[in-house]
Amino acid sequence: MAKITNEIAYKATMERIEELLPLVDDNTPMDDKNLIELELLSNLVADYDDEHYPIKAPTLLEIIKLRMYEMGLNQNNLSELLQVSPSRISEYLTGKSEPTLKVAREISRKLNIDADIVLGVKWWIFLVKYGISFQTKEFH
């Protein structure tokens, strides 16, 4: 199958996709030429994106910050929730120290983050749970 090899081809393909999008919808037959072209071009763009714009797996700190944002928590609120001093929370969020097992357990429970993610066992669970695509060399 063809492959997008440069940014000019990528942009041209994106423009064509934009032209095709209004021509198809959920009721478009699977054998419609516009739908087929859209699917083929979309796959080419996805492959190019994976290769040239990979998304790194989030760190535990990034996951915690996201959950804080989603829950409307600041560092003081998180400190109270986890029963840890504000300075210790600051150290966790700046990467100066890592949570103890007890605090990691509380992070998992109180922030509803899978324990395997908190312990660094399965970071990809977070990506799947939140619908984030990812690309690492380990998976190729």
C-alpha atoms as a PDB file:
ATOM      1  CA  MET A   1       0.000   0.000   0.000  1.00  0.00           C
ATOM      2  CA  ALA A   2       1.081   3.596  -0.576  1.00  0.00           C
ATOM      3  CA  LYS A   3       2.651   5.619   2.176  1.00  0.00           C
ATOM      4  CA  ILE A   4       2.781   9.333   2.933  1.00  0.00           C
ATOM      5  CA  THR A   5       6.455  10.241   2.777  1.00  0.00           C
ATOM      6  CA  ASN A   6       6.597  13.992   3.444  1.00  0.00           C
ATOM      7  CA  GLU A   7       4.752  16.903   5.002  1.00  0.00           C
ATOM      8  CA  ILE A   8       3.475  18.244   1.655  1.00  0.00           C
ATOM      9  CA  ALA A   9       1.796  14.923   0.867  1.00  0.00           C
ATOM     10  CA  TYR A  10       0.486  14.793   4.428  1.00  0.00           C
ATOM     11  CA  LYS A  11      -1.141  18.233   4.139  1.00  0.00           C
ATOM     12  CA  ALA A  12      -2.605  17.429   0.725  1.00  0.00           C
ATOM     13  CA  THR A  13      -4.059  14.194   2.102  1.00  0.00           C
ATOM     14  CA  MET A  14      -5.543  16.067   5.066  1.00  0.00           C
ATOM     15  CA  GLU A  15      -7.148  18.564   2.700  1.00  0.00           C
ATOM     16  CA  ARG A  16      -8.684  15.732   0.677  1.00  0.00           C
ATOM     17  CA  ILE A  17     -10.018  14.158   3.863  1.00  0.00           C
ATOM     18  CA  GLU A  18     -11.658  17.475   4.754  1.00  0.00           C
ATOM     19  CA  GLU A  19     -13.311  17.489   1.316  1.00  0.00           C
ATOM     20  CA  LEU A  20     -14.590  13.937   1.766  1.00  0.00           C
ATOM     21  CA  LEU A  21     -15.964  14.281   5.292  1.00  0.00           C
ATOM     22  CA  PRO A  22     -19.141  16.167   4.317  1.00  0.00           C
ATOM     23  CA  LEU A  23     -19.845  13.570   1.615  1.00  0.00           C
ATOM     24  CA  VAL A  24     -20.205  10.633   4.006  1.00  0.00           C
ATOM     25  CA  ASP A  25     -22.133   9.916   7.182  1.00  0.00           C
ATOM     26  CA  ASP A  26     -23.187   6.958   9.319  1.00  0.00           C
ATOM     27  CA  ASN A  27     -25.699   5.889   6.659  1.00  0.00           C
ATOM     28  CA  THR A  28     -23.229   5.850   3.761  1.00  0.00           C
ATOM     29  CA  PRO A  29     -23.004   2.363   2.224  1.00  0.00           C
ATOM     30  CA  MET A  30     -19.717   0.563   2.809  1.00  0.00           C
ATOM     31  CA  ASP A  31     -19.141   0.275  -0.938  1.00  0.00           C
ATOM     32  CA  ASP A  32     -19.447   4.037  -1.534  1.00  0.00           C
ATOM     33  CA  LYS A  33     -16.337   5.311  -3.348  1.00  0.00           C
ATOM     34  CA  ASN A  34     -16.076   8.398  -1.121  1.00  0.00           C
ATOM     35  CA  LEU A  35     -16.233   6.323   2.045  1.00  0.00           C
ATOM     36  CA  ILE A  36     -13.634   3.897   0.718  1.00  0.00           C
ATOM     37  CA  GLU A  37     -11.313   6.748  -0.255  1.00  0.00           C
ATOM     38  CA  LEU A  38     -11.848   8.430   3.116  1.00  0.00           C
ATOM     39  CA  GLU A  39     -10.981   5.251   4.986  1.00  0.00           C
ATOM     40  CA  LEU A  40      -7.860   4.614   2.920  1.00  0.00           C
ATOM     41  CA  LEU A  41      -6.623   8.193   3.298  1.00  0.00           C
ATOM     42  CA  SER A  42      -7.439   8.215   7.012  1.00  0.00           C
ATOM     43  CA  ASN A  43      -5.349   5.082   7.508  1.00  0.00           C
ATOM     44  CA  LEU A  44      -2.433   6.659   5.618  1.00  0.00           C
ATOM     45  CA  VAL A  45      -2.645   9.768   7.782  1.00  0.00           C
ATOM     46  CA  ALA A  46      -2.841   7.676  10.958  1.00  0.00           C
ATOM     47  CA  ASP A  47       0.295   5.769   9.930  1.00  0.00           C
ATOM     48  CA  TYR A  48       2.127   9.033   9.173  1.00  0.00           C
ATOM     49  CA  ASP A  49       0.985  10.529  12.493  1.00  0.00           C
ATOM     50  CA  ASP A  50       2.167   7.468  14.407  1.00  0.00           C
ATOM     51  CA  GLU A  51       5.580   7.685  12.789  1.00  0.00           C
ATOM     52  CA  HIS A  52       6.132  11.449  12.812  1.00  0.00           C
ATOM     53  CA  TYR A  53       4.021  12.682  15.744  1.00  0.00           C
ATOM     54  CA  PRO A  54       4.133   9.915  18.352  1.00  0.00           C
ATOM     55  CA  ILE A  55       2.402  10.524  21.648  1.00  0.00           C
ATOM     56  CA  LYS A  56       4.515   9.616  24.652  1.00  0.00           C
ATOM     57  CA  ALA A  57       3.001   7.668  27.476  1.00  0.00           C
ATOM     58  CA  PRO A  58       2.071   9.999  30.340  1.00  0.00           C
ATOM     59  CA  THR A  59       4.066   9.915  33.530  1.00  0.00           C
ATOM     60  CA  LEU A  60       2.410   9.217  36.861  1.00  0.00           C
ATOM     61  CA  LEU A  61       2.850  12.912  37.662  1.00  0.00           C
ATOM     62  CA  GLU A  62       0.952  13.880  34.519  1.00  0.00           C
ATOM     63  CA  ILE A  63      -1.806  11.413  35.351  1.00  0.00           C
ATOM     64  CA  ILE A  64      -2.107  12.772  38.888  1.00  0.00           C
ATOM     65  CA  LYS A  65      -2.210  16.357  37.586  1.00  0.00           C
ATOM     66  CA  LEU A  66      -4.934  15.389  35.106  1.00  0.00           C
ATOM     67  CA  ARG A  67      -7.004  13.751  37.848  1.00  0.00           C
ATOM     68  CA  MET A  68      -6.486  16.818  40.054  1.00  0.00           C
ATOM     69  CA  TYR A  69      -7.789  18.991  37.222  1.00  0.00           C
ATOM     70  CA  GLU A  70     -10.761  16.690  36.585  1.00  0.00           C
ATOM     71  CA  MET A  71     -11.634  16.643  40.283  1.00  0.00           C
ATOM     72  CA  GLY A  72     -11.064  20.384  40.786  1.00  0.00           C
ATOM     73  CA  LEU A  73      -8.275  19.808  43.307  1.00  0.00           C
ATOM     74  CA  ASN A  74      -5.329  22.031  44.094  1.00  0.00           C
ATOM     75  CA  GLN A  75      -2.219  20.923  45.976  1.00  0.00           C
ATOM     76  CA  ASN A  76      -3.725  21.806  49.351  1.00  0.00           C
ATOM     77  CA  ASN A  77      -6.906  19.838  48.601  1.00  0.00           C
ATOM     78  CA  LEU A  78      -4.814  16.875  47.469  1.00  0.00           C
ATOM     79  CA  SER A  79      -2.743  17.142  50.622  1.00  0.00           C
ATOM     80  CA  GLU A  80      -5.887  16.927  52.758  1.00  0.00           C
ATOM     81  CA  LEU A  81      -7.369  14.122  50.662  1.00  0.00           C
ATOM     82  CA  LEU A  82      -4.235  11.983  50.891  1.00  0.00           C
ATOM     83  CA  GLN A  83      -3.405  13.065  54.460  1.00  0.00           C
ATOM     84  CA  VAL A  84       0.091  14.113  53.421  1.00  0.00           C
ATOM     85  CA  SER A  85       1.774  17.453  54.054  1.00  0.00           C
ATOM     86  CA  PRO A  86       1.520  20.125  51.327  1.00  0.00           C
ATOM     87  CA  SER A  87       5.314  20.156  51.027  1.00  0.00           C
ATOM     88  CA  ARG A  88       5.350  16.402  50.399  1.00  0.00           C
ATOM     89  CA  ILE A  89       2.665  16.812  47.712  1.00  0.00           C
ATOM     90  CA  SER A  90       4.837  19.493  46.131  1.00  0.00           C
ATOM     91  CA  GLU A  91       7.782  17.087  46.123  1.00  0.00           C
ATOM     92  CA  TYR A  92       5.660  14.422  44.413  1.00  0.00           C
ATOM     93  CA  LEU A  93       4.367  16.839  41.787  1.00  0.00           C
ATOM     94  CA  THR A  94       7.822  18.178  40.965  1.00  0.00           C
ATOM     95  CA  GLY A  95       9.377  14.721  40.840  1.00  0.00           C
ATOM     96  CA  LYS A  96      11.710  15.372  43.771  1.00  0.00           C
ATOM     97  CA  SER A  97      10.390  12.344  45.615  1.00  0.00           C
ATOM     98  CA  GLU A  98       8.135   9.376  45.017  1.00  0.00           C
ATOM     99  CA  PRO A  99       5.144   8.399  47.117  1.00  0.00           C
ATOM    100  CA  THR A 100       5.511   5.654  49.676  1.00  0.00           C
ATOM    101  CA  LEU A 101       3.517   2.460  49.151  1.00  0.00           C
ATOM    102  CA  LYS A 102       0.918   3.699  51.644  1.00  0.00           C
ATOM    103  CA  VAL A 103       0.535   7.023  49.819  1.00  0.00           C
ATOM    104  CA  ALA A 104       0.508   5.245  46.448  1.00  0.00           C
ATOM    105  CA  ARG A 105      -2.385   3.128  47.710  1.00  0.00           C
ATOM    106  CA  GLU A 106      -4.252   6.287  48.738  1.00  0.00           C
ATOM    107  CA  ILE A 107      -3.518   7.928  45.374  1.00  0.00           C
ATOM    108  CA  SER A 108      -5.007   4.884  43.680  1.00  0.00           C
ATOM    109  CA  ARG A 109      -8.097   4.846  45.890  1.00  0.00           C
ATOM    110  CA  LYS A 110      -8.815   8.539  46.285  1.00  0.00           C
ATOM    111  CA  LEU A 111      -7.932   9.654  42.743  1.00  0.00           C
ATOM    112  CA  ASN A 112      -9.394   6.505  41.172  1.00  0.00           C
ATOM    113  CA  ILE A 113      -6.194   5.640  39.315  1.00  0.00           C
ATOM    114  CA  ASP A 114      -5.564   1.958  38.712  1.00  0.00           C
ATOM    115  CA  ALA A 115      -3.037   0.617  41.242  1.00  0.00           C
ATOM    116  CA  ASP A 116      -0.930  -0.897  38.462  1.00  0.00           C
ATOM    117  CA  ILE A 117      -0.531   2.559  36.950  1.00  0.00           C
ATOM    118  CA  VAL A 118       0.425   4.115  40.277  1.00  0.00           C
ATOM    119  CA  LEU A 119       2.986   1.375  40.804  1.00  0.00           C
ATOM    120  CA  GLY A 120       4.273   1.767  37.257  1.00  0.00           C
ATOM    121  CA  VAL A 121       3.236  -1.699  36.153  1.00  0.00           C
ATOM    122  CA  LYS A 122       0.739  -0.921  33.397  1.00  0.00           C
ATOM    123  CA  TRP A 123       0.806   2.720  32.286  1.00  0.00           C
ATOM    124  CA  TRP A 124      -1.013   1.796  29.085  1.00  0.00           C
ATOM    125  CA  ILE A 125      -4.205   1.052  31.067  1.00  0.00           C
ATOM    126  CA  PHE A 126      -4.578   4.802  31.551  1.00  0.00           C
ATOM    127  CA  LEU A 127      -4.181   5.435  27.838  1.00  0.00           C
ATOM    128  CA  VAL A 128      -6.817   2.879  26.910  1.00  0.00           C
ATOM    129  CA  LYS A 129      -9.191   4.000  29.662  1.00  0.00           C
ATOM    130  CA  TYR A 130      -9.061   7.614  28.487  1.00  0.00           C
ATOM    131  CA  GLY A 131      -8.938   6.826  24.771  1.00  0.00           C
ATOM    132  CA  ILE A 132      -5.446   8.194  24.231  1.00  0.00           C
ATOM    133  CA  SER A 133      -3.531   6.729  21.323  1.00  0.00           C
ATOM    134  CA  PHE A 134       0.126   6.048  21.810  1.00  0.00           C
ATOM    135  CA  GLN A 135       3.232   5.034  19.921  1.00  0.00           C
ATOM    136  CA  THR A 136       6.393   3.545  21.319  1.00  0.00           C
ATOM    137  CA  LYS A 137       9.145   1.586  19.657  1.00  0.00           C
ATOM    138  CA  GLU A 138       8.471  -1.319  22.021  1.00  0.00           C
ATOM    139  CA  PHE A 139       5.245  -2.139  20.205  1.00  0.00           C
ATOM    140  CA  HIS A 140       6.716  -2.349  16.672  1.00  0.00           C
END
